[in-house]
Amino acid sequence: MPKANPSPHTHAAPTSYEAALQELEGLVQQMESGQLPLNQLLSGYQRGAELLTYCRAQLDAVEQQIKVLDDGVLKPWTSA
C-alpha cells in the first residue's frame, strides 16, 4: 500500500507570534503585488487566515495574563 503524501499546501504551525506576523506580512505583500496566479492567491488567503487566527490567539493569551497581573496575582503564561 503506498504511503500517503502530505499535501503540498500543508504548512507547519508558526514557532512564535513574531514568526507568524512576519509570514503574514510577506503573504500580504505577495498578494498585493498582483503577480500571483489565482490558485496561489487562494492558498495564500487560506494560510493568511490561519496565521491571523494564531496571532489573535497569542494576543488573547497575553491579554489574559495582563488581566491576571492587574489583579495582583502572577501566574505563568503558557502559549495556546
PDB file of N, CA and C in Angstrom:
ATOM      1  N   MET A   1       0.854  -1.182   0.000  1.00  0.00           N
ATOM      2  CA  MET A   1       0.000   0.000   0.000  1.00  0.00           C
ATOM      3  C   MET A   1       0.895   1.238   0.000  1.00  0.00           C
ATOM      4  N   PRO A   2       0.676   2.168  -0.928  1.00  0.00           N
ATOM      5  CA  PRO A   2       1.535   3.358  -0.994  1.00  0.00           C
ATOM      6  C   PRO A   2       1.279   4.281   0.189  1.00  0.00           C
ATOM      7  N   LYS A   3       2.353   4.966   0.584  1.00  0.00           N
ATOM      8  CA  LYS A   3       2.234   5.935   1.666  1.00  0.00           C
ATOM      9  C   LYS A   3       1.531   7.181   1.157  1.00  0.00           C
ATOM     10  N   ALA A   4       0.705   7.756   1.999  1.00  0.00           N
ATOM     11  CA  ALA A   4       0.016   8.992   1.627  1.00  0.00           C
ATOM     12  C   ALA A   4       1.010  10.146   1.743  1.00  0.00           C
ATOM     13  N   ASN A   5       1.100  10.919   0.700  1.00  0.00           N
ATOM     14  CA  ASN A   5       1.971  12.089   0.719  1.00  0.00           C
ATOM     15  C   ASN A   5       1.223  13.257   1.322  1.00  0.00           C
ATOM     16  N   PRO A   6       1.893  14.042   2.167  1.00  0.00           N
ATOM     17  CA  PRO A   6       1.219  15.221   2.697  1.00  0.00           C
ATOM     18  C   PRO A   6       0.925  16.208   1.581  1.00  0.00           C
ATOM     19  N   SER A   7      -0.109  16.972   1.770  1.00  0.00           N
ATOM     20  CA  SER A   7      -0.489  17.979   0.792  1.00  0.00           C
ATOM     21  C   SER A   7       0.637  18.987   0.633  1.00  0.00           C
ATOM     22  N   PRO A   8       0.922  19.434  -0.589  1.00  0.00           N
ATOM     23  CA  PRO A   8       1.987  20.411  -0.773  1.00  0.00           C
ATOM     24  C   PRO A   8       1.653  21.759  -0.141  1.00  0.00           C
ATOM     25  N   HIS A   9       0.394  21.955   0.212  1.00  0.00           N
ATOM     26  CA  HIS A   9      -0.024  23.228   0.801  1.00  0.00           C
ATOM     27  C   HIS A   9      -0.102  23.155   2.322  1.00  0.00           C
ATOM     28  N   THR A  10       0.352  22.051   2.915  1.00  0.00           N
ATOM     29  CA  THR A  10       0.345  21.909   4.360  1.00  0.00           C
ATOM     30  C   THR A  10       1.495  22.731   4.930  1.00  0.00           C
ATOM     31  N   HIS A  11       1.171  23.593   5.882  1.00  0.00           N
ATOM     32  CA  HIS A  11       2.177  24.454   6.494  1.00  0.00           C
ATOM     33  C   HIS A  11       2.314  24.098   7.961  1.00  0.00           C
ATOM     34  N   ALA A  12       3.508  24.215   8.452  1.00  0.00           N
ATOM     35  CA  ALA A  12       3.756  23.991   9.867  1.00  0.00           C
ATOM     36  C   ALA A  12       3.195  25.165  10.673  1.00  0.00           C
ATOM     37  N   ALA A  13       2.887  24.872  11.908  1.00  0.00           N
ATOM     38  CA  ALA A  13       2.418  25.933  12.800  1.00  0.00           C
ATOM     39  C   ALA A  13       3.564  26.914  13.037  1.00  0.00           C
ATOM     40  N   PRO A  14       3.258  28.181  13.191  1.00  0.00           N
ATOM     41  CA  PRO A  14       4.311  29.170  13.453  1.00  0.00           C
ATOM     42  C   PRO A  14       5.027  28.859  14.758  1.00  0.00           C
ATOM     43  N   THR A  15       6.285  29.220  14.834  1.00  0.00           N
ATOM     44  CA  THR A  15       7.065  28.981  16.045  1.00  0.00           C
ATOM     45  C   THR A  15       6.870  30.079  17.086  1.00  0.00           C
ATOM     46  N   SER A  16       6.396  31.241  16.637  1.00  0.00           N
ATOM     47  CA  SER A  16       6.179  32.357  17.554  1.00  0.00           C
ATOM     48  C   SER A  16       5.221  33.363  16.908  1.00  0.00           C
ATOM     49  N   TYR A  17       4.750  34.283  17.731  1.00  0.00           N
ATOM     50  CA  TYR A  17       3.899  35.357  17.234  1.00  0.00           C
ATOM     51  C   TYR A  17       4.650  36.167  16.175  1.00  0.00           C
ATOM     52  N   GLU A  18       5.909  36.458  16.461  1.00  0.00           N
ATOM     53  CA  GLU A  18       6.708  37.276  15.546  1.00  0.00           C
ATOM     54  C   GLU A  18       6.902  36.574  14.204  1.00  0.00           C
ATOM     55  N   ALA A  19       7.138  35.263  14.243  1.00  0.00           N
ATOM     56  CA  ALA A  19       7.307  34.496  13.005  1.00  0.00           C
ATOM     57  C   ALA A  19       6.014  34.484  12.200  1.00  0.00           C
ATOM     58  N   ALA A  20       4.891  34.321  12.891  1.00  0.00           N
ATOM     59  CA  ALA A  20       3.595  34.321  12.214  1.00  0.00           C
ATOM     60  C   ALA A  20       3.319  35.673  11.588  1.00  0.00           C
ATOM     61  N   LEU A  21       3.612  36.737  12.311  1.00  0.00           N
ATOM     62  CA  LEU A  21       3.380  38.084  11.802  1.00  0.00           C
ATOM     63  C   LEU A  21       4.262  38.381  10.595  1.00  0.00           C
ATOM     64  N   GLN A  22       5.509  37.941  10.649  1.00  0.00           N
ATOM     65  CA  GLN A  22       6.425  38.153   9.526  1.00  0.00           C
ATOM     66  C   GLN A  22       5.938  37.397   8.288  1.00  0.00           C
ATOM     67  N   GLU A  23       5.503  36.151   8.478  1.00  0.00           N
ATOM     68  CA  GLU A  23       4.996  35.381   7.340  1.00  0.00           C
ATOM     69  C   GLU A  23       3.726  36.015   6.782  1.00  0.00           C
ATOM     70  N   LEU A  24       2.864  36.485   7.668  1.00  0.00           N
ATOM     71  CA  LEU A  24       1.625  37.132   7.237  1.00  0.00           C
ATOM     72  C   LEU A  24       1.914  38.396   6.436  1.00  0.00           C
ATOM     73  N   GLU A  25       2.858  39.188   6.893  1.00  0.00           N
ATOM     74  CA  GLU A  25       3.229  40.407   6.164  1.00  0.00           C
ATOM     75  C   GLU A  25       3.781  40.064   4.778  1.00  0.00           C
ATOM     76  N   GLY A  26       4.578  39.012   4.695  1.00  0.00           N
ATOM     77  CA  GLY A  26       5.112  38.578   3.406  1.00  0.00           C
ATOM     78  C   GLY A  26       4.008  38.131   2.454  1.00  0.00           C
ATOM     79  N   LEU A  27       3.038  37.395   2.992  1.00  0.00           N
ATOM     80  CA  LEU A  27       1.907  36.964   2.169  1.00  0.00           C
ATOM     81  C   LEU A  27       1.124  38.156   1.627  1.00  0.00           C
ATOM     82  N   VAL A  28       0.894  39.136   2.482  1.00  0.00           N
ATOM     83  CA  VAL A  28       0.146  40.327   2.058  1.00  0.00           C
ATOM     84  C   VAL A  28       0.889  41.038   0.937  1.00  0.00           C
ATOM     85  N   GLN A  29       2.201  41.176   1.069  1.00  0.00           N
ATOM     86  CA  GLN A  29       2.986  41.834   0.024  1.00  0.00           C
ATOM     87  C   GLN A  29       2.887  41.078  -1.294  1.00  0.00           C
ATOM     88  N   GLN A  30       2.988  39.740  -1.241  1.00  0.00           N
ATOM     89  CA  GLN A  30       2.888  38.945  -2.454  1.00  0.00           C
ATOM     90  C   GLN A  30       1.511  39.099  -3.092  1.00  0.00           C
ATOM     91  N   MET A  31       0.475  39.064  -2.274  1.00  0.00           N
ATOM     92  CA  MET A  31      -0.887  39.153  -2.802  1.00  0.00           C
ATOM     93  C   MET A  31      -1.157  40.532  -3.395  1.00  0.00           C
ATOM     94  N   GLU A  32      -0.650  41.563  -2.738  1.00  0.00           N
ATOM     95  CA  GLU A  32      -0.869  42.921  -3.227  1.00  0.00           C
ATOM     96  C   GLU A  32      -0.077  43.218  -4.496  1.00  0.00           C
ATOM     97  N   SER A  33       0.962  42.428  -4.758  1.00  0.00           N
ATOM     98  CA  SER A  33       1.780  42.676  -5.939  1.00  0.00           C
ATOM     99  C   SER A  33       1.007  42.406  -7.223  1.00  0.00           C
ATOM    100  N   GLY A  34      -0.021  41.579  -7.142  1.00  0.00           N
ATOM    101  CA  GLY A  34      -0.812  41.256  -8.316  1.00  0.00           C
ATOM    102  C   GLY A  34      -0.132  40.281  -9.258  1.00  0.00           C
ATOM    103  N   GLN A  35       0.955  39.665  -8.826  1.00  0.00           N
ATOM    104  CA  GLN A  35       1.712  38.775  -9.690  1.00  0.00           C
ATOM    105  C   GLN A  35       1.443  37.291  -9.442  1.00  0.00           C
ATOM    106  N   LEU A  36       0.615  36.966  -8.444  1.00  0.00           N
ATOM    107  CA  LEU A  36       0.347  35.565  -8.123  1.00  0.00           C
ATOM    108  C   LEU A  36      -0.814  35.021  -8.943  1.00  0.00           C
ATOM    109  N   PRO A  37      -0.714  33.772  -9.399  1.00  0.00           N
ATOM    110  CA  PRO A  37      -1.850  33.148 -10.082  1.00  0.00           C
ATOM    111  C   PRO A  37      -2.994  32.922  -9.091  1.00  0.00           C
ATOM    112  N   LEU A  38      -4.175  32.731  -9.618  1.00  0.00           N
ATOM    113  CA  LEU A  38      -5.369  32.625  -8.794  1.00  0.00           C
ATOM    114  C   LEU A  38      -5.270  31.526  -7.748  1.00  0.00           C
ATOM    115  N   ASN A  39      -4.763  30.339  -8.117  1.00  0.00           N
ATOM    116  CA  ASN A  39      -4.688  29.253  -7.138  1.00  0.00           C
ATOM    117  C   ASN A  39      -3.732  29.588  -5.992  1.00  0.00           C
ATOM    118  N   GLN A  40      -2.673  30.336  -6.264  1.00  0.00           N
ATOM    119  CA  GLN A  40      -1.761  30.742  -5.201  1.00  0.00           C
ATOM    120  C   GLN A  40      -2.373  31.844  -4.338  1.00  0.00           C
ATOM    121  N   LEU A  41      -3.203  32.675  -4.943  1.00  0.00           N
ATOM    122  CA  LEU A  41      -3.919  33.680  -4.149  1.00  0.00           C
ATOM    123  C   LEU A  41      -4.837  33.006  -3.143  1.00  0.00           C
ATOM    124  N   LEU A  42      -5.529  31.974  -3.597  1.00  0.00           N
ATOM    125  CA  LEU A  42      -6.443  31.270  -2.714  1.00  0.00           C
ATOM    126  C   LEU A  42      -5.691  30.588  -1.574  1.00  0.00           C
ATOM    127  N   SER A  43      -4.608  29.880  -1.883  1.00  0.00           N
ATOM    128  CA  SER A  43      -3.848  29.213  -0.829  1.00  0.00           C
ATOM    129  C   SER A  43      -3.189  30.239   0.095  1.00  0.00           C
ATOM    130  N   GLY A  44      -2.766  31.367  -0.458  1.00  0.00           N
ATOM    131  CA  GLY A  44      -2.202  32.436   0.360  1.00  0.00           C
ATOM    132  C   GLY A  44      -3.229  33.023   1.305  1.00  0.00           C
ATOM    133  N   TYR A  45      -4.446  33.187   0.811  1.00  0.00           N
ATOM    134  CA  TYR A  45      -5.522  33.703   1.660  1.00  0.00           C
ATOM    135  C   TYR A  45      -5.810  32.724   2.795  1.00  0.00           C
ATOM    136  N   GLN A  46      -5.859  31.428   2.464  1.00  0.00           N
ATOM    137  CA  GLN A  46      -6.124  30.413   3.488  1.00  0.00           C
ATOM    138  C   GLN A  46      -5.024  30.398   4.548  1.00  0.00           C
ATOM    139  N   ARG A  47      -3.771  30.459   4.112  1.00  0.00           N
ATOM    140  CA  ARG A  47      -2.657  30.481   5.062  1.00  0.00           C
ATOM    141  C   ARG A  47      -2.705  31.751   5.898  1.00  0.00           C
ATOM    142  N   GLY A  48      -3.025  32.862   5.259  1.00  0.00           N
ATOM    143  CA  GLY A  48      -3.142  34.117   5.987  1.00  0.00           C
ATOM    144  C   GLY A  48      -4.203  34.048   7.068  1.00  0.00           C
ATOM    145  N   ALA A  49      -5.325  33.400   6.775  1.00  0.00           N
ATOM    146  CA  ALA A  49      -6.388  33.241   7.771  1.00  0.00           C
ATOM    147  C   ALA A  49      -5.900  32.390   8.944  1.00  0.00           C
ATOM    148  N   GLU A  50      -5.117  31.348   8.647  1.00  0.00           N
ATOM    149  CA  GLU A  50      -4.553  30.508   9.716  1.00  0.00           C
ATOM    150  C   GLU A  50      -3.597  31.322  10.596  1.00  0.00           C
ATOM    151  N   LEU A  51      -2.752  32.097   9.948  1.00  0.00           N
ATOM    152  CA  LEU A  51      -1.789  32.911  10.690  1.00  0.00           C
ATOM    153  C   LEU A  51      -2.489  33.972  11.532  1.00  0.00           C
ATOM    154  N   LEU A  52      -3.528  34.568  10.980  1.00  0.00           N
ATOM    155  CA  LEU A  52      -4.281  35.572  11.713  1.00  0.00           C
ATOM    156  C   LEU A  52      -4.939  34.964  12.948  1.00  0.00           C
ATOM    157  N   THR A  53      -5.492  33.776  12.801  1.00  0.00           N
ATOM    158  CA  THR A  53      -6.108  33.082  13.936  1.00  0.00           C
ATOM    159  C   THR A  53      -5.059  32.799  15.015  1.00  0.00           C
ATOM    160  N   TYR A  54      -3.880  32.343  14.588  1.00  0.00           N
ATOM    161  CA  TYR A  54      -2.785  32.075  15.528  1.00  0.00           C
ATOM    162  C   TYR A  54      -2.390  33.357  16.274  1.00  0.00           C
ATOM    163  N   CYS A  55      -2.204  34.444  15.541  1.00  0.00           N
ATOM    164  CA  CYS A  55      -1.793  35.711  16.159  1.00  0.00           C
ATOM    165  C   CYS A  55      -2.844  36.215  17.146  1.00  0.00           C
ATOM    166  N   ARG A  56      -4.102  36.115  16.761  1.00  0.00           N
ATOM    167  CA  ARG A  56      -5.172  36.549  17.675  1.00  0.00           C
ATOM    168  C   ARG A  56      -5.182  35.715  18.941  1.00  0.00           C
ATOM    169  N   ALA A  57      -4.970  34.409  18.819  1.00  0.00           N
ATOM    170  CA  ALA A  57      -4.942  33.537  19.998  1.00  0.00           C
ATOM    171  C   ALA A  57      -3.782  33.917  20.914  1.00  0.00           C
ATOM    172  N   GLN A  58      -2.621  34.214  20.330  1.00  0.00           N
ATOM    173  CA  GLN A  58      -1.470  34.612  21.131  1.00  0.00           C
ATOM    174  C   GLN A  58      -1.746  35.933  21.852  1.00  0.00           C
ATOM    175  N   LEU A  59      -2.333  36.883  21.145  1.00  0.00           N
ATOM    176  CA  LEU A  59      -2.655  38.175  21.759  1.00  0.00           C
ATOM    177  C   LEU A  59      -3.693  38.022  22.866  1.00  0.00           C
ATOM    178  N   ASP A  60      -4.682  37.157  22.656  1.00  0.00           N
ATOM    179  CA  ASP A  60      -5.690  36.901  23.690  1.00  0.00           C
ATOM    180  C   ASP A  60      -5.050  36.304  24.939  1.00  0.00           C
ATOM    181  N   ALA A  61      -4.095  35.383  24.749  1.00  0.00           N
ATOM    182  CA  ALA A  61      -3.417  34.764  25.885  1.00  0.00           C
ATOM    183  C   ALA A  61      -2.624  35.807  26.677  1.00  0.00           C
ATOM    184  N   VAL A  62      -1.956  36.693  25.971  1.00  0.00           N
ATOM    185  CA  VAL A  62      -1.191  37.746  26.645  1.00  0.00           C
ATOM    186  C   VAL A  62      -2.144  38.701  27.361  1.00  0.00           C
ATOM    187  N   GLU A  63      -3.256  39.018  26.734  1.00  0.00           N
ATOM    188  CA  GLU A  63      -4.242  39.900  27.372  1.00  0.00           C
ATOM    189  C   GLU A  63      -4.759  39.281  28.670  1.00  0.00           C
ATOM    190  N   GLN A  64      -4.989  37.980  28.665  1.00  0.00           N
ATOM    191  CA  GLN A  64      -5.437  37.304  29.885  1.00  0.00           C
ATOM    192  C   GLN A  64      -4.364  37.370  30.964  1.00  0.00           C
ATOM    193  N   GLN A  65      -3.105  37.221  30.575  1.00  0.00           N
ATOM    194  CA  GLN A  65      -2.006  37.316  31.537  1.00  0.00           C
ATOM    195  C   GLN A  65      -1.945  38.708  32.140  1.00  0.00           C
ATOM    196  N   ILE A  66      -2.147  39.729  31.327  1.00  0.00           N
ATOM    197  CA  ILE A  66      -2.129  41.106  31.823  1.00  0.00           C
ATOM    198  C   ILE A  66      -3.266  41.315  32.816  1.00  0.00           C
ATOM    199  N   LYS A  67      -4.423  40.749  32.521  1.00  0.00           N
ATOM    200  CA  LYS A  67      -5.544  40.864  33.464  1.00  0.00           C
ATOM    201  C   LYS A  67      -5.198  40.230  34.804  1.00  0.00           C
ATOM    202  N   VAL A  68      -4.507  39.101  34.765  1.00  0.00           N
ATOM    203  CA  VAL A  68      -4.083  38.447  35.999  1.00  0.00           C
ATOM    204  C   VAL A  68      -3.098  39.339  36.743  1.00  0.00           C
ATOM    205  N   LEU A  69      -2.155  39.921  36.023  1.00  0.00           N
ATOM    206  CA  LEU A  69      -1.183  40.815  36.650  1.00  0.00           C
ATOM    207  C   LEU A  69      -1.864  42.036  37.254  1.00  0.00           C
ATOM    208  N   ASP A  70      -2.869  42.551  36.567  1.00  0.00           N
ATOM    209  CA  ASP A  70      -3.594  43.712  37.076  1.00  0.00           C
ATOM    210  C   ASP A  70      -4.321  43.397  38.368  1.00  0.00           C
ATOM    211  N   ASP A  71      -4.682  42.139  38.562  1.00  0.00           N
ATOM    212  CA  ASP A  71      -5.353  41.740  39.804  1.00  0.00           C
ATOM    213  C   ASP A  71      -4.353  41.451  40.920  1.00  0.00           C
ATOM    214  N   GLY A  72      -3.056  41.621  40.648  1.00  0.00           N
ATOM    215  CA  GLY A  72      -2.038  41.445  41.663  1.00  0.00           C
ATOM    216  C   GLY A  72      -1.577  40.016  41.853  1.00  0.00           C
ATOM    217  N   VAL A  73      -1.970  39.128  40.945  1.00  0.00           N
ATOM    218  CA  VAL A  73      -1.589  37.726  41.051  1.00  0.00           C
ATOM    219  C   VAL A  73      -0.789  37.373  39.801  1.00  0.00           C
ATOM    220  N   LEU A  74       0.399  36.841  40.005  1.00  0.00           N
ATOM    221  CA  LEU A  74       1.238  36.451  38.886  1.00  0.00           C
ATOM    222  C   LEU A  74       1.125  34.953  38.656  1.00  0.00           C
ATOM    223  N   LYS A  75       0.683  34.591  37.458  1.00  0.00           N
ATOM    224  CA  LYS A  75       0.613  33.179  37.075  1.00  0.00           C
ATOM    225  C   LYS A  75       1.434  33.010  35.808  1.00  0.00           C
ATOM    226  N   PRO A  76       2.088  31.875  35.656  1.00  0.00           N
ATOM    227  CA  PRO A  76       2.891  31.678  34.436  1.00  0.00           C
ATOM    228  C   PRO A  76       2.026  31.665  33.182  1.00  0.00           C
ATOM    229  N   TRP A  77       2.550  32.307  32.144  1.00  0.00           N
ATOM    230  CA  TRP A  77       1.852  32.336  30.864  1.00  0.00           C
ATOM    231  C   TRP A  77       2.270  31.130  30.058  1.00  0.00           C
ATOM    232  N   THR A  78       1.293  30.420  29.505  1.00  0.00           N
ATOM    233  CA  THR A  78       1.594  29.295  28.630  1.00  0.00           C
ATOM    234  C   THR A  78       0.986  29.594  27.268  1.00  0.00           C
ATOM    235  N   SER A  79       1.716  29.243  26.214  1.00  0.00           N
ATOM    236  CA  SER A  79       1.213  29.510  24.866  1.00  0.00           C
ATOM    237  C   SER A  79       0.051  28.610  24.557  1.00  0.00           C
ATOM    238  N   ALA A  80      -0.856  29.130  23.736  1.00  0.00           N
ATOM    239  CA  ALA A  80      -2.065  28.386  23.380  1.00  0.00           C
ATOM    240  C   ALA A  80      -1.776  27.318  22.381  1.00  0.00           C
TER     241      ALA A  80
END
